[in-house]
Amino acid sequence: MTKFSFEDKLRAVNMYLRGYGSNTVAKVYKVKNHSNILMWVKRYQKYGIDGLKVRRPKYDYDGNFKLNVLNWRKRHKASYPETALQFDISNPGTIATWDKVHIIV
């Protein structure tokens, strides 16, 4: 189960966009790491409100997609959250798991 609902995320993003800092917003909404607030803001800015919706893992990504994601990450020296944002993958940990399984040369 997801700890933060769509409504919580939307309120937090709106508070941040009104000028409150990510640390302040994280304290108000009891988010352990303010970087989650920043990720929600980035997802909102890139995908609109759909970027904040709670999504259930429903995708069965094929091998080619996984390799494309991992190659893009390596080529751009991007973090897992940045890569997840680029490919609209809701959980950056998914990419970390792929990274452990695949070796990109």
C-alpha atoms as a PDB file:
ATOM      1  CA  MET A   1       0.000   0.000   0.000  1.00  0.00           C
ATOM      2  CA  THR A   2       1.217   3.497  -0.847  1.00  0.00           C
ATOM      3  CA  LYS A   3       1.771   5.766   2.115  1.00  0.00           C
ATOM      4  CA  PHE A   4       0.849   9.008   0.358  1.00  0.00           C
ATOM      5  CA  SER A   5      -2.376   9.378  -1.551  1.00  0.00           C
ATOM      6  CA  PHE A   6      -2.801  11.334  -4.744  1.00  0.00           C
ATOM      7  CA  GLU A   7      -4.488  14.089  -2.735  1.00  0.00           C
ATOM      8  CA  ASP A   8      -1.579  14.292  -0.263  1.00  0.00           C
ATOM      9  CA  LYS A   9       0.929  14.554  -3.089  1.00  0.00           C
ATOM     10  CA  LEU A  10      -1.108  17.214  -4.898  1.00  0.00           C
ATOM     11  CA  ARG A  11      -1.445  19.333  -1.736  1.00  0.00           C
ATOM     12  CA  ALA A  12       2.293  18.997  -1.060  1.00  0.00           C
ATOM     13  CA  VAL A  13       3.188  19.979  -4.635  1.00  0.00           C
ATOM     14  CA  ASN A  14       0.846  22.980  -4.513  1.00  0.00           C
ATOM     15  CA  MET A  15       2.382  24.093  -1.217  1.00  0.00           C
ATOM     16  CA  TYR A  16       5.869  23.830  -2.713  1.00  0.00           C
ATOM     17  CA  LEU A  17       4.805  25.741  -5.839  1.00  0.00           C
ATOM     18  CA  ARG A  18       3.379  28.503  -3.630  1.00  0.00           C
ATOM     19  CA  GLY A  19       6.918  29.120  -2.403  1.00  0.00           C
ATOM     20  CA  TYR A  20       7.421  26.895   0.617  1.00  0.00           C
ATOM     21  CA  GLY A  21      10.704  25.003   0.711  1.00  0.00           C
ATOM     22  CA  SER A  22      10.859  21.265   0.246  1.00  0.00           C
ATOM     23  CA  ASN A  23      12.022  20.748   3.848  1.00  0.00           C
ATOM     24  CA  THR A  24       9.028  22.696   5.183  1.00  0.00           C
ATOM     25  CA  VAL A  25       6.594  20.791   2.977  1.00  0.00           C
ATOM     26  CA  ALA A  26       8.173  17.479   3.996  1.00  0.00           C
ATOM     27  CA  LYS A  27       7.695  18.351   7.681  1.00  0.00           C
ATOM     28  CA  VAL A  28       4.060  19.375   7.200  1.00  0.00           C
ATOM     29  CA  TYR A  29       3.195  16.155   5.338  1.00  0.00           C
ATOM     30  CA  LYS A  30       5.494  13.941   7.432  1.00  0.00           C
ATOM     31  CA  VAL A  31       7.607  12.892   4.460  1.00  0.00           C
ATOM     32  CA  LYS A  32      10.909  11.485   5.711  1.00  0.00           C
ATOM     33  CA  ASN A  33      13.025  12.796   2.851  1.00  0.00           C
ATOM     34  CA  HIS A  34      12.430  16.168   1.214  1.00  0.00           C
ATOM     35  CA  SER A  35      13.780  14.757  -2.064  1.00  0.00           C
ATOM     36  CA  ASN A  36      10.434  12.926  -2.407  1.00  0.00           C
ATOM     37  CA  ILE A  37       8.709  16.310  -2.526  1.00  0.00           C
ATOM     38  CA  LEU A  38      11.081  17.453  -5.265  1.00  0.00           C
ATOM     39  CA  MET A  39      10.410  14.263  -7.249  1.00  0.00           C
ATOM     40  CA  TRP A  40       6.647  14.773  -6.946  1.00  0.00           C
ATOM     41  CA  VAL A  41       7.094  18.334  -8.225  1.00  0.00           C
ATOM     42  CA  LYS A  42       9.162  17.123 -11.195  1.00  0.00           C
ATOM     43  CA  ARG A  43       6.607  14.428 -12.014  1.00  0.00           C
ATOM     44  CA  TYR A  44       3.813  17.019 -11.779  1.00  0.00           C
ATOM     45  CA  GLN A  45       5.675  19.448 -14.030  1.00  0.00           C
ATOM     46  CA  LYS A  46       6.396  16.773 -16.635  1.00  0.00           C
ATOM     47  CA  TYR A  47       3.160  14.718 -16.582  1.00  0.00           C
ATOM     48  CA  GLY A  48       0.593  16.979 -14.905  1.00  0.00           C
ATOM     49  CA  ILE A  49      -1.701  15.541 -12.262  1.00  0.00           C
ATOM     50  CA  ASP A  50      -1.379  12.069 -13.797  1.00  0.00           C
ATOM     51  CA  GLY A  51       2.237  12.060 -12.618  1.00  0.00           C
ATOM     52  CA  LEU A  52       1.020  12.097  -9.011  1.00  0.00           C
ATOM     53  CA  LYS A  53      -1.586   9.361  -9.263  1.00  0.00           C
ATOM     54  CA  VAL A  54      -0.989   6.215  -7.291  1.00  0.00           C
ATOM     55  CA  ARG A  55      -0.131   3.514  -9.776  1.00  0.00           C
ATOM     56  CA  ARG A  56      -0.069  -0.171  -9.219  1.00  0.00           C
ATOM     57  CA  PRO A  57       2.701  -2.150 -10.881  1.00  0.00           C
ATOM     58  CA  LYS A  58       0.922  -3.376 -13.962  1.00  0.00           C
ATOM     59  CA  TYR A  59       3.639  -3.221 -16.537  1.00  0.00           C
ATOM     60  CA  ASP A  60       5.632  -6.206 -17.606  1.00  0.00           C
ATOM     61  CA  TYR A  61       8.526  -4.459 -19.269  1.00  0.00           C
ATOM     62  CA  ASP A  62      10.254  -6.416 -21.999  1.00  0.00           C
ATOM     63  CA  GLY A  63      14.001  -6.930 -22.126  1.00  0.00           C
ATOM     64  CA  ASN A  64      14.565  -4.368 -24.885  1.00  0.00           C
ATOM     65  CA  PHE A  65      12.820  -1.640 -22.901  1.00  0.00           C
ATOM     66  CA  LYS A  66      14.866  -2.445 -19.795  1.00  0.00           C
ATOM     67  CA  LEU A  67      18.119  -2.323 -21.758  1.00  0.00           C
ATOM     68  CA  ASN A  68      17.119   0.970 -23.400  1.00  0.00           C
ATOM     69  CA  VAL A  69      16.424   2.460 -19.977  1.00  0.00           C
ATOM     70  CA  LEU A  70      19.724   1.222 -18.544  1.00  0.00           C
ATOM     71  CA  ASN A  71      21.690   2.410 -21.580  1.00  0.00           C
ATOM     72  CA  TRP A  72      20.040   5.838 -21.373  1.00  0.00           C
ATOM     73  CA  ARG A  73      20.903   6.054 -17.665  1.00  0.00           C
ATOM     74  CA  LYS A  74      24.544   5.190 -18.341  1.00  0.00           C
ATOM     75  CA  ARG A  75      24.840   7.504 -21.340  1.00  0.00           C
ATOM     76  CA  HIS A  76      23.397  10.473 -19.414  1.00  0.00           C
ATOM     77  CA  LYS A  77      25.012   9.573 -16.081  1.00  0.00           C
ATOM     78  CA  ALA A  78      21.553   9.968 -14.572  1.00  0.00           C
ATOM     79  CA  SER A  79      20.336   8.923 -11.160  1.00  0.00           C
ATOM     80  CA  TYR A  80      17.632   6.303 -10.731  1.00  0.00           C
ATOM     81  CA  PRO A  81      14.986   8.968  -9.939  1.00  0.00           C
ATOM     82  CA  GLU A  82      15.970  11.034 -13.007  1.00  0.00           C
ATOM     83  CA  THR A  83      15.799   7.942 -15.201  1.00  0.00           C
ATOM     84  CA  ALA A  84      12.439   6.918 -13.750  1.00  0.00           C
ATOM     85  CA  LEU A  85      11.111  10.394 -14.501  1.00  0.00           C
ATOM     86  CA  GLN A  86      12.408  10.252 -18.075  1.00  0.00           C
ATOM     87  CA  PHE A  87      10.656   6.936 -18.782  1.00  0.00           C
ATOM     88  CA  ASP A  88       7.577   7.435 -16.575  1.00  0.00           C
ATOM     89  CA  ILE A  89       8.483   4.577 -14.260  1.00  0.00           C
ATOM     90  CA  SER A  90       6.829   5.203 -10.918  1.00  0.00           C
ATOM     91  CA  ASN A  91       9.415   3.474  -8.728  1.00  0.00           C
ATOM     92  CA  PRO A  92      13.115   4.257  -9.274  1.00  0.00           C
ATOM     93  CA  GLY A  93      13.917   1.058  -7.353  1.00  0.00           C
ATOM     94  CA  THR A  94      12.603  -0.886 -10.340  1.00  0.00           C
ATOM     95  CA  ILE A  95      15.509   0.430 -12.398  1.00  0.00           C
ATOM     96  CA  ALA A  96      17.986  -0.360  -9.623  1.00  0.00           C
ATOM     97  CA  THR A  97      16.755  -3.955  -9.685  1.00  0.00           C
ATOM     98  CA  TRP A  98      17.242  -4.136 -13.455  1.00  0.00           C
ATOM     99  CA  ASP A  99      20.722  -2.684 -13.010  1.00  0.00           C
ATOM    100  CA  LYS A 100      21.700  -5.545 -10.701  1.00  0.00           C
ATOM    101  CA  VAL A 101      20.553  -8.125 -13.231  1.00  0.00           C
ATOM    102  CA  HIS A 102      21.888  -6.603 -16.459  1.00  0.00           C
ATOM    103  CA  ILE A 103      25.462  -5.635 -17.188  1.00  0.00           C
ATOM    104  CA  ILE A 104      25.717  -2.713 -19.576  1.00  0.00           C
ATOM    105  CA  VAL A 105      29.017  -2.494 -21.430  1.00  0.00           C
END
